[in-house]
Every structure is written in C-alpha cells, then in structure tokens.
C-alpha cells in the first residue's frame, strides 16, 4: 500500500463498473482510471450535456476506452429506478457510489427529502438495492461508497434524519457522510449473513480540490466566499487525481476487507491510500439497523436477497 498509485490498479479487462457522479472531480478520475485499466465503465451523471462531454474526454484521454453515459439523478427515486432497470448488463463487478452534494442551502429532493441526505445517502441506498441482484450474481463484485472525514462532525439523529427540525448545512452534510459509513457497515453485515462474497467498502478523498466545495456558496451568490474556497483548493488541497486514489484502492486492490475504510495516509488529508480512522458511531450495529429500516421505508427499496 505505501506509495500506491493508479499505475498499481490491477487489470480490469472484462469487468463492468458503474460510477456515479462521473462527469467531474473524483468520479471522473475514478471512471477514467478504471477504463484505462480495461473496465467497461458506465458513467452515471445527472446532466446529459456534461455527461456526454465527460465520456468524450475519457475516450480522448484513453484511446480505446469503453465508456458510456447513463442518466441518473440521485435526487429523484424515479430516475434511480429508471437507470437501474435500464442497465443492459448481466454482470456488474463494481459499483462506486461517488456522487454527492455538500453544504448546500436548505432544499429538498424530488421526493421531499433534505437534499444532502436524499442525494448522498438515500439515492445511493436505493441504487445499490436495485442493482444488488446483479452484483450478487457477479463473482468478485464490490460496492464502494465515498464518505468524508467530515462525518466526524455529527452522528445521524434517528428522530430527525433529514434535518427537518433544524437545518445546519455542515451538520446535515456530516450526517449524510456518517450515513454512508453506517450503510457500508450494515451492508457488510448483511452480505456476510447471507453468505455472499460481495465486498462493501468505503473511502474518502481527504481534502481534494473538486467543485463540491464551491457549489454551496455559489448557489447563494456569495462571491467572496467562493473566491476564498477556490484559493484554498489551489493552495492547500490535493488534486482530484490524488483524491480519487483511496476510492480506486478500495475498488481494485486485492486485500480489501468488508467494511474497510480508506483515505489519504498523511493526517487523513493527502498522500497515498491507507486505512482510515472512523468515528465509533459508524460501527454501531443498532444504529446501522435503524438507518437501514428507515432507508427501506423512505425509498421503498427493500434488499430482499439479504433477508434471513
């Protein structure tokens, strides 16, 4: 693991990968590097225009790459179902739950959920559940969910999962990223209980320069704050190419264990991928079960294949 780079990704020929939020930032780099190693990559994007441009960039940067666009809006459960049911492949080797939003002004998804919880957690929970039968039927399949070290700011509140009572943008973001890790933990437990060898793992990018940091302040027209964030991205953050490495490691390295969590090696901020510390509440079985039950109720997606 020391010094691990994209050059160390094992051959992915013959494998099919689905990467959400693949039109920019970490998702784009993840999709591109998987394609570079031979995977057929479905680049799941909300915007058709930006998605097509991203596919063209991948095929331009990686001659012979197998990359295609899939339209997916994680803030709309009807779109999630349409995407999942429209995938024509009888195998999915890798699902990378990468897409996300961060610190937005209060808003709701098409289904009425607070945007950060709805997109970052519920959308991916539904997508994973809908693709699960195909994943279970694919030897060596993995599910990698991208969280953040910002999860350490807050545990989920079972009585106020989507921050309807009191909305604080960074706390809501932290709760959604805690939900990502609780989901991975509970999914790993249920896969093991069903005797499945599918590996569910998680990763975080440290502080990586992506458009996530500027989206919230830009949405509010806070130009000074936007410029300060952009300056921080240039001076302090590592590039998206480095931020995507923990995800790529979790997705492809041979020694990844269920419920593993990877991030940058230096102070969980930057550097080569390494096992990452996580808040104890993300390993709480009872909380994982509660979140799971509520997620099934809210999305209407049930993981029947994993039930006893």
C-alpha atoms as a PDB file:
ATOM      1  CA  UNK A   1       0.000   0.000   0.000  1.00  0.00           C
ATOM      2  CA  UNK A   2       2.809   2.555   0.638  1.00  0.00           C
ATOM      3  CA  UNK A   3       3.180   4.689  -2.468  1.00  0.00           C
ATOM      4  CA  UNK A   4       0.182   3.062  -4.165  1.00  0.00           C
ATOM      5  CA  UNK A   5      -0.827   4.946  -7.337  1.00  0.00           C
ATOM      6  CA  UNK A   6      -3.207   4.489 -10.250  1.00  0.00           C
ATOM      7  CA  UNK A   7      -0.436   2.568 -12.009  1.00  0.00           C
ATOM      8  CA  UNK A   8      -0.958  -0.190  -9.431  1.00  0.00           C
ATOM      9  CA  UNK A   9      -4.595  -0.797 -10.367  1.00  0.00           C
ATOM     10  CA  UNK A  10      -4.906  -4.452 -11.423  1.00  0.00           C
ATOM     11  CA  UNK A  11      -6.092  -5.300 -14.919  1.00  0.00           C
ATOM     12  CA  UNK A  12      -9.852  -4.662 -15.167  1.00  0.00           C
ATOM     13  CA  UNK A  13     -10.427  -6.240 -18.561  1.00  0.00           C
ATOM     14  CA  UNK A  14     -13.806  -7.935 -18.773  1.00  0.00           C
ATOM     15  CA  UNK A  15     -15.177  -6.105 -15.733  1.00  0.00           C
ATOM     16  CA  UNK A  16     -18.130  -3.702 -15.722  1.00  0.00           C
ATOM     17  CA  UNK A  17     -18.100  -0.695 -13.412  1.00  0.00           C
ATOM     18  CA  UNK A  18     -20.819   1.839 -12.582  1.00  0.00           C
ATOM     19  CA  UNK A  19     -19.552   5.170 -11.234  1.00  0.00           C
ATOM     20  CA  UNK A  20     -21.999   7.822 -10.033  1.00  0.00           C
ATOM     21  CA  UNK A  21     -21.172  11.488 -10.409  1.00  0.00           C
ATOM     22  CA  UNK A  22     -18.632  10.638 -13.090  1.00  0.00           C
ATOM     23  CA  UNK A  23     -18.773  13.865 -15.067  1.00  0.00           C
ATOM     24  CA  UNK A  24     -16.266  15.738 -12.884  1.00  0.00           C
ATOM     25  CA  UNK A  25     -13.869  15.612  -9.964  1.00  0.00           C
ATOM     26  CA  UNK A  26     -13.276  12.352  -8.129  1.00  0.00           C
ATOM     27  CA  UNK A  27     -15.901  10.472 -10.113  1.00  0.00           C
ATOM     28  CA  UNK A  28     -14.395  11.437 -13.423  1.00  0.00           C
ATOM     29  CA  UNK A  29     -10.898  10.398 -12.370  1.00  0.00           C
ATOM     30  CA  UNK A  30     -12.239   7.123 -10.948  1.00  0.00           C
ATOM     31  CA  UNK A  31     -14.078   6.309 -14.174  1.00  0.00           C
ATOM     32  CA  UNK A  32     -11.144   7.282 -16.363  1.00  0.00           C
ATOM     33  CA  UNK A  33      -8.601   5.185 -14.470  1.00  0.00           C
ATOM     34  CA  UNK A  34     -10.856   2.127 -14.384  1.00  0.00           C
ATOM     35  CA  UNK A  35     -11.350   2.499 -18.143  1.00  0.00           C
ATOM     36  CA  UNK A  36      -7.598   2.914 -18.601  1.00  0.00           C
ATOM     37  CA  UNK A  37      -7.117  -0.496 -16.996  1.00  0.00           C
ATOM     38  CA  UNK A  38      -9.671  -2.115 -19.307  1.00  0.00           C
ATOM     39  CA  UNK A  39     -13.018  -1.889 -17.497  1.00  0.00           C
ATOM     40  CA  UNK A  40     -16.247  -1.113 -19.285  1.00  0.00           C
ATOM     41  CA  UNK A  41     -17.412   1.964 -17.380  1.00  0.00           C
ATOM     42  CA  UNK A  42     -20.940   3.312 -17.107  1.00  0.00           C
ATOM     43  CA  UNK A  43     -20.565   6.983 -16.214  1.00  0.00           C
ATOM     44  CA  UNK A  44     -23.745   7.786 -14.304  1.00  0.00           C
ATOM     45  CA  UNK A  45     -24.452  11.529 -14.478  1.00  0.00           C
ATOM     46  CA  UNK A  46     -27.393  13.836 -13.823  1.00  0.00           C
ATOM     47  CA  UNK A  47     -26.701  16.197 -16.727  1.00  0.00           C
ATOM     48  CA  UNK A  48     -26.785  14.686 -20.204  1.00  0.00           C
ATOM     49  CA  UNK A  49     -24.694  17.502 -21.675  1.00  0.00           C
ATOM     50  CA  UNK A  50     -21.970  17.338 -19.015  1.00  0.00           C
ATOM     51  CA  UNK A  51     -22.089  13.551 -19.055  1.00  0.00           C
ATOM     52  CA  UNK A  52     -21.553  13.332 -22.812  1.00  0.00           C
ATOM     53  CA  UNK A  53     -18.678  15.789 -22.583  1.00  0.00           C
ATOM     54  CA  UNK A  54     -17.107  13.656 -19.815  1.00  0.00           C
ATOM     55  CA  UNK A  55     -17.415  10.474 -21.896  1.00  0.00           C
ATOM     56  CA  UNK A  56     -15.734  12.266 -24.803  1.00  0.00           C
ATOM     57  CA  UNK A  57     -12.918  13.390 -22.504  1.00  0.00           C
ATOM     58  CA  UNK A  58     -12.354   9.853 -21.238  1.00  0.00           C
ATOM     59  CA  UNK A  59     -12.239   8.374 -24.727  1.00  0.00           C
ATOM     60  CA  UNK A  60      -9.946  11.212 -25.798  1.00  0.00           C
ATOM     61  CA  UNK A  61      -7.547  10.693 -22.896  1.00  0.00           C
ATOM     62  CA  UNK A  62      -7.699   6.892 -23.029  1.00  0.00           C
ATOM     63  CA  UNK A  63      -7.744   5.643 -26.627  1.00  0.00           C
ATOM     64  CA  UNK A  64      -9.860   2.515 -26.891  1.00  0.00           C
ATOM     65  CA  UNK A  65     -11.623   3.162 -23.579  1.00  0.00           C
ATOM     66  CA  UNK A  66     -15.028   1.560 -23.106  1.00  0.00           C
ATOM     67  CA  UNK A  67     -17.082   4.334 -21.517  1.00  0.00           C
ATOM     68  CA  UNK A  68     -20.759   5.149 -21.854  1.00  0.00           C
ATOM     69  CA  UNK A  69     -23.213   7.584 -20.353  1.00  0.00           C
ATOM     70  CA  UNK A  70     -26.057   6.635 -18.031  1.00  0.00           C
ATOM     71  CA  UNK A  71     -28.501   9.325 -16.935  1.00  0.00           C
ATOM     72  CA  UNK A  72     -29.027   9.252 -13.183  1.00  0.00           C
ATOM     73  CA  UNK A  73     -30.456  11.841 -10.810  1.00  0.00           C
ATOM     74  CA  UNK A  74     -29.913  10.585  -7.274  1.00  0.00           C
ATOM     75  CA  UNK A  75     -32.293  13.232  -6.006  1.00  0.00           C
ATOM     76  CA  UNK A  76     -35.190  11.585  -7.842  1.00  0.00           C
ATOM     77  CA  UNK A  77     -36.059   7.995  -6.938  1.00  0.00           C
ATOM     78  CA  UNK A  78     -37.942   7.569 -10.228  1.00  0.00           C
ATOM     79  CA  UNK A  79     -34.697   8.382 -12.054  1.00  0.00           C
ATOM     80  CA  UNK A  80     -32.790   5.923  -9.874  1.00  0.00           C
ATOM     81  CA  UNK A  81     -35.243   3.163 -10.759  1.00  0.00           C
ATOM     82  CA  UNK A  82     -35.170   4.046 -14.453  1.00  0.00           C
ATOM     83  CA  UNK A  83     -31.366   3.968 -14.511  1.00  0.00           C
ATOM     84  CA  UNK A  84     -31.113   0.675 -12.626  1.00  0.00           C
ATOM     85  CA  UNK A  85     -33.783  -1.065 -14.685  1.00  0.00           C
ATOM     86  CA  UNK A  86     -32.266   0.233 -17.926  1.00  0.00           C
ATOM     87  CA  UNK A  87     -28.782  -1.194 -17.434  1.00  0.00           C
ATOM     88  CA  UNK A  88     -28.429  -3.909 -20.090  1.00  0.00           C
ATOM     89  CA  UNK A  89     -25.625  -5.884 -18.448  1.00  0.00           C
ATOM     90  CA  UNK A  90     -25.935  -9.255 -16.767  1.00  0.00           C
ATOM     91  CA  UNK A  91     -22.912  -8.534 -14.580  1.00  0.00           C
ATOM     92  CA  UNK A  92     -21.776  -5.556 -12.511  1.00  0.00           C
ATOM     93  CA  UNK A  93     -18.355  -6.058 -10.983  1.00  0.00           C
ATOM     94  CA  UNK A  94     -18.078  -2.691  -9.328  1.00  0.00           C
ATOM     95  CA  UNK A  95     -20.499  -0.055  -8.095  1.00  0.00           C
ATOM     96  CA  UNK A  96     -18.866   3.187  -6.975  1.00  0.00           C
ATOM     97  CA  UNK A  97     -21.304   5.373  -5.029  1.00  0.00           C
ATOM     98  CA  UNK A  98     -19.356   8.577  -5.540  1.00  0.00           C
ATOM     99  CA  UNK A  99     -21.791  11.385  -6.385  1.00  0.00           C
ATOM    100  CA  UNK A 100     -22.647  13.872  -3.710  1.00  0.00           C
ATOM    101  CA  UNK A 101     -23.528  17.420  -2.704  1.00  0.00           C
ATOM    102  CA  UNK A 102     -22.029  19.423   0.132  1.00  0.00           C
ATOM    103  CA  UNK A 103     -23.160  22.235   2.439  1.00  0.00           C
ATOM    104  CA  UNK A 104     -25.978  23.451   0.223  1.00  0.00           C
ATOM    105  CA  UNK A 105     -28.670  25.896   1.315  1.00  0.00           C
ATOM    106  CA  UNK A 106     -31.711  24.019   2.570  1.00  0.00           C
ATOM    107  CA  UNK A 107     -33.627  22.293  -0.182  1.00  0.00           C
ATOM    108  CA  UNK A 108     -35.451  19.066  -0.914  1.00  0.00           C
ATOM    109  CA  UNK A 109     -35.225  16.322  -3.495  1.00  0.00           C
ATOM    110  CA  UNK A 110     -37.975  15.401  -5.925  1.00  0.00           C
ATOM    111  CA  UNK A 111     -39.297  13.037  -3.252  1.00  0.00           C
ATOM    112  CA  UNK A 112     -39.269  15.612  -0.452  1.00  0.00           C
ATOM    113  CA  UNK A 113     -36.084  14.613   1.400  1.00  0.00           C
ATOM    114  CA  UNK A 114     -33.491  17.137   2.553  1.00  0.00           C
ATOM    115  CA  UNK A 115     -31.129  17.363  -0.393  1.00  0.00           C
ATOM    116  CA  UNK A 116     -27.877  16.237   1.209  1.00  0.00           C
ATOM    117  CA  UNK A 117     -29.397  13.231   2.979  1.00  0.00           C
ATOM    118  CA  UNK A 118     -31.544  12.427  -0.045  1.00  0.00           C
ATOM    119  CA  UNK A 119     -28.743  12.530  -2.615  1.00  0.00           C
ATOM    120  CA  UNK A 120     -25.728  11.407  -0.608  1.00  0.00           C
ATOM    121  CA  UNK A 121     -27.410   8.544   1.224  1.00  0.00           C
ATOM    122  CA  UNK A 122     -30.939   7.649   0.147  1.00  0.00           C
ATOM    123  CA  UNK A 123     -30.240   7.844  -3.586  1.00  0.00           C
ATOM    124  CA  UNK A 124     -27.259   5.542  -3.273  1.00  0.00           C
ATOM    125  CA  UNK A 125     -29.099   3.231  -0.874  1.00  0.00           C
ATOM    126  CA  UNK A 126     -31.852   2.812  -3.460  1.00  0.00           C
ATOM    127  CA  UNK A 127     -29.427   2.403  -6.351  1.00  0.00           C
ATOM    128  CA  UNK A 128     -27.402  -0.255  -4.544  1.00  0.00           C
ATOM    129  CA  UNK A 129     -30.521  -2.173  -3.586  1.00  0.00           C
ATOM    130  CA  UNK A 130     -31.866  -2.132  -7.126  1.00  0.00           C
ATOM    131  CA  UNK A 131     -28.539  -3.339  -8.559  1.00  0.00           C
ATOM    132  CA  UNK A 132     -27.930  -5.857  -5.779  1.00  0.00           C
ATOM    133  CA  UNK A 133     -29.267  -8.948  -7.596  1.00  0.00           C
ATOM    134  CA  UNK A 134     -26.808  -8.369 -10.434  1.00  0.00           C
ATOM    135  CA  UNK A 135     -23.957  -7.645  -8.030  1.00  0.00           C
ATOM    136  CA  UNK A 136     -24.710 -10.820  -6.069  1.00  0.00           C
ATOM    137  CA  UNK A 137     -24.528 -12.797  -9.287  1.00  0.00           C
ATOM    138  CA  UNK A 138     -21.128 -11.386 -10.249  1.00  0.00           C
ATOM    139  CA  UNK A 139     -18.116 -13.188  -8.727  1.00  0.00           C
ATOM    140  CA  UNK A 140     -15.739 -10.792  -7.000  1.00  0.00           C
ATOM    141  CA  UNK A 141     -18.146  -7.840  -7.074  1.00  0.00           C
ATOM    142  CA  UNK A 142     -17.565  -4.782  -4.877  1.00  0.00           C
ATOM    143  CA  UNK A 143     -19.600  -1.834  -3.671  1.00  0.00           C
ATOM    144  CA  UNK A 144     -17.547   1.235  -2.743  1.00  0.00           C
ATOM    145  CA  UNK A 145     -19.235   4.237  -1.144  1.00  0.00           C
ATOM    146  CA  UNK A 146     -17.433   7.565  -0.883  1.00  0.00           C
ATOM    147  CA  UNK A 147     -17.751   9.226   2.512  1.00  0.00           C
ATOM    148  CA  UNK A 148     -15.768  12.078   4.063  1.00  0.00           C
ATOM    149  CA  UNK A 149     -13.780  12.777   7.197  1.00  0.00           C
ATOM    150  CA  UNK A 150     -16.376  15.465   7.806  1.00  0.00           C
ATOM    151  CA  UNK A 151     -18.534  12.606   9.073  1.00  0.00           C
ATOM    152  CA  UNK A 152     -16.767  13.104  12.407  1.00  0.00           C
ATOM    153  CA  UNK A 153     -18.753  16.314  12.960  1.00  0.00           C
ATOM    154  CA  UNK A 154     -22.033  14.526  13.624  1.00  0.00           C
ATOM    155  CA  UNK A 155     -23.772  11.218  14.104  1.00  0.00           C
ATOM    156  CA  UNK A 156     -27.170  10.727  12.496  1.00  0.00           C
ATOM    157  CA  UNK A 157     -30.231  11.704  14.517  1.00  0.00           C
ATOM    158  CA  UNK A 158     -32.807   8.922  14.136  1.00  0.00           C
ATOM    159  CA  UNK A 159     -35.544  11.349  15.180  1.00  0.00           C
ATOM    160  CA  UNK A 160     -34.533  13.902  12.546  1.00  0.00           C
ATOM    161  CA  UNK A 161     -32.754  12.008   9.793  1.00  0.00           C
ATOM    162  CA  UNK A 162     -33.045  14.703   7.160  1.00  0.00           C
ATOM    163  CA  UNK A 163     -32.617  17.734   9.447  1.00  0.00           C
ATOM    164  CA  UNK A 164     -36.213  18.889   9.062  1.00  0.00           C
ATOM    165  CA  UNK A 165     -36.382  20.282  12.616  1.00  0.00           C
ATOM    166  CA  UNK A 166     -33.218  22.336  12.466  1.00  0.00           C
ATOM    167  CA  UNK A 167     -31.092  22.697   9.367  1.00  0.00           C
ATOM    168  CA  UNK A 168     -27.390  23.435   9.680  1.00  0.00           C
ATOM    169  CA  UNK A 169     -25.705  22.790   6.366  1.00  0.00           C
ATOM    170  CA  UNK A 170     -22.419  21.350   7.635  1.00  0.00           C
ATOM    171  CA  UNK A 171     -24.099  19.177  10.257  1.00  0.00           C
ATOM    172  CA  UNK A 172     -26.510  17.904   7.618  1.00  0.00           C
ATOM    173  CA  UNK A 173     -23.559  17.108   5.364  1.00  0.00           C
ATOM    174  CA  UNK A 174     -21.742  15.322   8.182  1.00  0.00           C
ATOM    175  CA  UNK A 175     -24.825  13.276   8.968  1.00  0.00           C
ATOM    176  CA  UNK A 176     -25.123  12.219   5.331  1.00  0.00           C
ATOM    177  CA  UNK A 177     -21.486  11.104   5.321  1.00  0.00           C
ATOM    178  CA  UNK A 178     -21.990   9.217   8.600  1.00  0.00           C
ATOM    179  CA  UNK A 179     -24.961   7.569   6.893  1.00  0.00           C
ATOM    180  CA  UNK A 180     -22.638   6.459   4.082  1.00  0.00           C
ATOM    181  CA  UNK A 181     -20.407   4.672   6.567  1.00  0.00           C
ATOM    182  CA  UNK A 182     -23.273   3.187   8.582  1.00  0.00           C
ATOM    183  CA  UNK A 183     -24.765   1.931   5.317  1.00  0.00           C
ATOM    184  CA  UNK A 184     -21.464   0.286   4.361  1.00  0.00           C
ATOM    185  CA  UNK A 185     -21.171  -1.279   7.810  1.00  0.00           C
ATOM    186  CA  UNK A 186     -24.702  -2.673   7.824  1.00  0.00           C
ATOM    187  CA  UNK A 187     -24.483  -3.785   4.195  1.00  0.00           C
ATOM    188  CA  UNK A 188     -21.302  -5.696   5.021  1.00  0.00           C
ATOM    189  CA  UNK A 189     -23.011  -7.406   7.958  1.00  0.00           C
ATOM    190  CA  UNK A 190     -25.982  -8.410   5.844  1.00  0.00           C
ATOM    191  CA  UNK A 191     -23.859  -9.644   2.955  1.00  0.00           C
ATOM    192  CA  UNK A 192     -21.866 -11.806   5.366  1.00  0.00           C
ATOM    193  CA  UNK A 193     -25.068 -13.093   6.952  1.00  0.00           C
ATOM    194  CA  UNK A 194     -26.334 -14.127   3.525  1.00  0.00           C
ATOM    195  CA  UNK A 195     -23.081 -15.942   2.764  1.00  0.00           C
ATOM    196  CA  UNK A 196     -22.210 -13.530  -0.044  1.00  0.00           C
ATOM    197  CA  UNK A 197     -18.624 -12.732  -1.011  1.00  0.00           C
ATOM    198  CA  UNK A 198     -19.533  -9.284  -2.350  1.00  0.00           C
ATOM    199  CA  UNK A 199     -17.315  -6.742  -0.580  1.00  0.00           C
ATOM    200  CA  UNK A 200     -18.783  -3.454   0.657  1.00  0.00           C
ATOM    201  CA  UNK A 201     -16.105  -0.890   1.499  1.00  0.00           C
ATOM    202  CA  UNK A 202     -15.785   2.879   1.813  1.00  0.00           C
ATOM    203  CA  UNK A 203     -13.279   5.598   1.075  1.00  0.00           C
ATOM    204  CA  UNK A 204     -12.737   9.330   1.463  1.00  0.00           C
ATOM    205  CA  UNK A 205     -10.544  11.737  -0.522  1.00  0.00           C
ATOM    206  CA  UNK A 206      -9.073  13.830   2.278  1.00  0.00           C
ATOM    207  CA  UNK A 207      -9.048  17.448   1.157  1.00  0.00           C
ATOM    208  CA  UNK A 208      -9.270  17.260  -2.607  1.00  0.00           C
ATOM    209  CA  UNK A 209      -9.993  20.109  -4.993  1.00  0.00           C
ATOM    210  CA  UNK A 210     -13.377  19.470  -6.591  1.00  0.00           C
ATOM    211  CA  UNK A 211     -16.456  21.528  -7.423  1.00  0.00           C
ATOM    212  CA  UNK A 212     -18.162  20.288  -4.238  1.00  0.00           C
ATOM    213  CA  UNK A 213     -16.549  23.000  -2.137  1.00  0.00           C
ATOM    214  CA  UNK A 214     -17.814  25.883  -4.246  1.00  0.00           C
ATOM    215  CA  UNK A 215     -21.319  24.646  -5.065  1.00  0.00           C
ATOM    216  CA  UNK A 216     -22.976  25.805  -1.851  1.00  0.00           C
ATOM    217  CA  UNK A 217     -21.544  29.333  -1.726  1.00  0.00           C
ATOM    218  CA  UNK A 218     -22.082  29.749  -5.480  1.00  0.00           C
ATOM    219  CA  UNK A 219     -25.742  28.774  -5.098  1.00  0.00           C
ATOM    220  CA  UNK A 220     -26.149  31.628  -2.605  1.00  0.00           C
ATOM    221  CA  UNK A 221     -24.229  34.153  -4.707  1.00  0.00           C
ATOM    222  CA  UNK A 222     -21.540  34.562  -2.028  1.00  0.00           C
ATOM    223  CA  UNK A 223     -18.745  35.610  -4.386  1.00  0.00           C
ATOM    224  CA  UNK A 224     -16.141  36.461  -1.734  1.00  0.00           C
ATOM    225  CA  UNK A 225     -16.624  33.117  -0.012  1.00  0.00           C
ATOM    226  CA  UNK A 226     -16.449  31.360  -3.373  1.00  0.00           C
ATOM    227  CA  UNK A 227     -13.118  33.015  -4.159  1.00  0.00           C
ATOM    228  CA  UNK A 228     -11.738  32.058  -0.735  1.00  0.00           C
ATOM    229  CA  UNK A 229     -12.748  28.430  -1.276  1.00  0.00           C
ATOM    230  CA  UNK A 230     -11.176  28.441  -4.725  1.00  0.00           C
ATOM    231  CA  UNK A 231      -7.972  29.833  -3.211  1.00  0.00           C
ATOM    232  CA  UNK A 232      -7.952  27.084  -0.596  1.00  0.00           C
ATOM    233  CA  UNK A 233      -8.421  24.477  -3.323  1.00  0.00           C
ATOM    234  CA  UNK A 234      -5.426  25.826  -5.223  1.00  0.00           C
ATOM    235  CA  UNK A 235      -3.088  26.296  -2.255  1.00  0.00           C
ATOM    236  CA  UNK A 236      -3.986  23.571   0.247  1.00  0.00           C
ATOM    237  CA  UNK A 237      -5.975  20.803  -1.401  1.00  0.00           C
ATOM    238  CA  UNK A 238      -4.572  17.868  -3.309  1.00  0.00           C
ATOM    239  CA  UNK A 239      -5.751  17.403  -6.906  1.00  0.00           C
ATOM    240  CA  UNK A 240      -8.684  15.180  -7.781  1.00  0.00           C
ATOM    241  CA  UNK A 241      -6.238  12.652  -9.270  1.00  0.00           C
ATOM    242  CA  UNK A 242      -4.822  12.086  -5.786  1.00  0.00           C
ATOM    243  CA  UNK A 243      -8.171  12.360  -4.004  1.00  0.00           C
ATOM    244  CA  UNK A 244      -9.587   9.522  -6.107  1.00  0.00           C
ATOM    245  CA  UNK A 245      -6.833   7.066  -5.143  1.00  0.00           C
ATOM    246  CA  UNK A 246      -8.473   5.788  -1.913  1.00  0.00           C
ATOM    247  CA  UNK A 247     -11.636   5.021  -3.902  1.00  0.00           C
ATOM    248  CA  UNK A 248      -9.646   3.268  -6.617  1.00  0.00           C
ATOM    249  CA  UNK A 249      -7.760   1.295  -3.982  1.00  0.00           C
ATOM    250  CA  UNK A 250     -10.973   0.201  -2.273  1.00  0.00           C
ATOM    251  CA  UNK A 251     -12.390  -0.732  -5.673  1.00  0.00           C
ATOM    252  CA  UNK A 252      -9.493  -2.753  -7.049  1.00  0.00           C
ATOM    253  CA  UNK A 253      -6.782  -3.711  -4.550  1.00  0.00           C
ATOM    254  CA  UNK A 254      -6.723  -7.448  -3.786  1.00  0.00           C
ATOM    255  CA  UNK A 255      -6.530  -7.183   0.013  1.00  0.00           C
ATOM    256  CA  UNK A 256      -9.643  -5.081   0.685  1.00  0.00           C
ATOM    257  CA  UNK A 257     -11.754  -6.457   3.528  1.00  0.00           C
ATOM    258  CA  UNK A 258     -15.500  -5.932   4.066  1.00  0.00           C
ATOM    259  CA  UNK A 259     -16.315  -2.627   5.808  1.00  0.00           C
ATOM    260  CA  UNK A 260     -12.800  -1.300   5.233  1.00  0.00           C
ATOM    261  CA  UNK A 261     -12.397   2.483   5.090  1.00  0.00           C
ATOM    262  CA  UNK A 262      -9.549   4.091   3.180  1.00  0.00           C
ATOM    263  CA  UNK A 263      -8.273   7.641   2.911  1.00  0.00           C
ATOM    264  CA  UNK A 264      -5.036   9.560   2.358  1.00  0.00           C
ATOM    265  CA  UNK A 265      -2.141   8.443   4.546  1.00  0.00           C
ATOM    266  CA  UNK A 266      -0.928  11.852   5.774  1.00  0.00           C
ATOM    267  CA  UNK A 267      -3.245  13.099   8.541  1.00  0.00           C
ATOM    268  CA  UNK A 268      -6.215  11.744   6.529  1.00  0.00           C
ATOM    269  CA  UNK A 269      -5.622  14.778   4.321  1.00  0.00           C
ATOM    270  CA  UNK A 270      -3.314  13.884   1.456  1.00  0.00           C
ATOM    271  CA  UNK A 271      -0.940  11.173   0.286  1.00  0.00           C
ATOM    272  CA  UNK A 272      -1.183   7.545  -0.795  1.00  0.00           C
ATOM    273  CA  UNK A 273      -4.193   5.435   0.251  1.00  0.00           C
ATOM    274  CA  UNK A 274      -4.151   3.913   3.730  1.00  0.00           C
ATOM    275  CA  UNK A 275      -6.669   2.535   6.257  1.00  0.00           C
ATOM    276  CA  UNK A 276      -8.507   5.495   7.762  1.00  0.00           C
ATOM    277  CA  UNK A 277      -9.785   6.197  11.257  1.00  0.00           C
ATOM    278  CA  UNK A 278     -13.571   6.496  11.558  1.00  0.00           C
ATOM    279  CA  UNK A 279     -15.905   7.665  14.289  1.00  0.00           C
ATOM    280  CA  UNK A 280     -17.047   4.835  16.589  1.00  0.00           C
ATOM    281  CA  UNK A 281     -20.700   5.583  15.864  1.00  0.00           C
ATOM    282  CA  UNK A 282     -20.210   4.430  12.258  1.00  0.00           C
ATOM    283  CA  UNK A 283     -19.659   0.896  13.587  1.00  0.00           C
ATOM    284  CA  UNK A 284     -22.774   0.799  15.762  1.00  0.00           C
ATOM    285  CA  UNK A 285     -24.869  -2.233  14.768  1.00  0.00           C
ATOM    286  CA  UNK A 286     -28.079  -0.974  16.332  1.00  0.00           C
ATOM    287  CA  UNK A 287     -27.815   2.416  14.649  1.00  0.00           C
ATOM    288  CA  UNK A 288     -27.000   0.747  11.346  1.00  0.00           C
ATOM    289  CA  UNK A 289     -30.131  -1.375  11.628  1.00  0.00           C
ATOM    290  CA  UNK A 290     -32.293   1.668  12.419  1.00  0.00           C
ATOM    291  CA  UNK A 291     -30.918   3.634   9.472  1.00  0.00           C
ATOM    292  CA  UNK A 292     -31.400   0.627   7.204  1.00  0.00           C
ATOM    293  CA  UNK A 293     -35.034   0.154   8.225  1.00  0.00           C
ATOM    294  CA  UNK A 294     -35.812   3.834   7.738  1.00  0.00           C
ATOM    295  CA  UNK A 295     -33.990   3.902   4.386  1.00  0.00           C
ATOM    296  CA  UNK A 296     -36.051   0.978   3.119  1.00  0.00           C
ATOM    297  CA  UNK A 297     -39.236   2.685   4.306  1.00  0.00           C
ATOM    298  CA  UNK A 298     -38.373   6.053   2.786  1.00  0.00           C
ATOM    299  CA  UNK A 299     -37.151   4.768  -0.579  1.00  0.00           C
ATOM    300  CA  UNK A 300     -39.432   1.769  -0.981  1.00  0.00           C
ATOM    301  CA  UNK A 301     -36.373  -0.278  -1.958  1.00  0.00           C
ATOM    302  CA  UNK A 302     -36.019  -3.483   0.050  1.00  0.00           C
ATOM    303  CA  UNK A 303     -32.983  -5.742  -0.008  1.00  0.00           C
ATOM    304  CA  UNK A 304     -34.983  -8.944  -0.199  1.00  0.00           C
ATOM    305  CA  UNK A 305     -31.996 -11.037  -1.306  1.00  0.00           C
ATOM    306  CA  UNK A 306     -30.267 -10.322   2.033  1.00  0.00           C
ATOM    307  CA  UNK A 307     -33.191 -11.122   4.306  1.00  0.00           C
ATOM    308  CA  UNK A 308     -32.886 -14.200   6.531  1.00  0.00           C
END
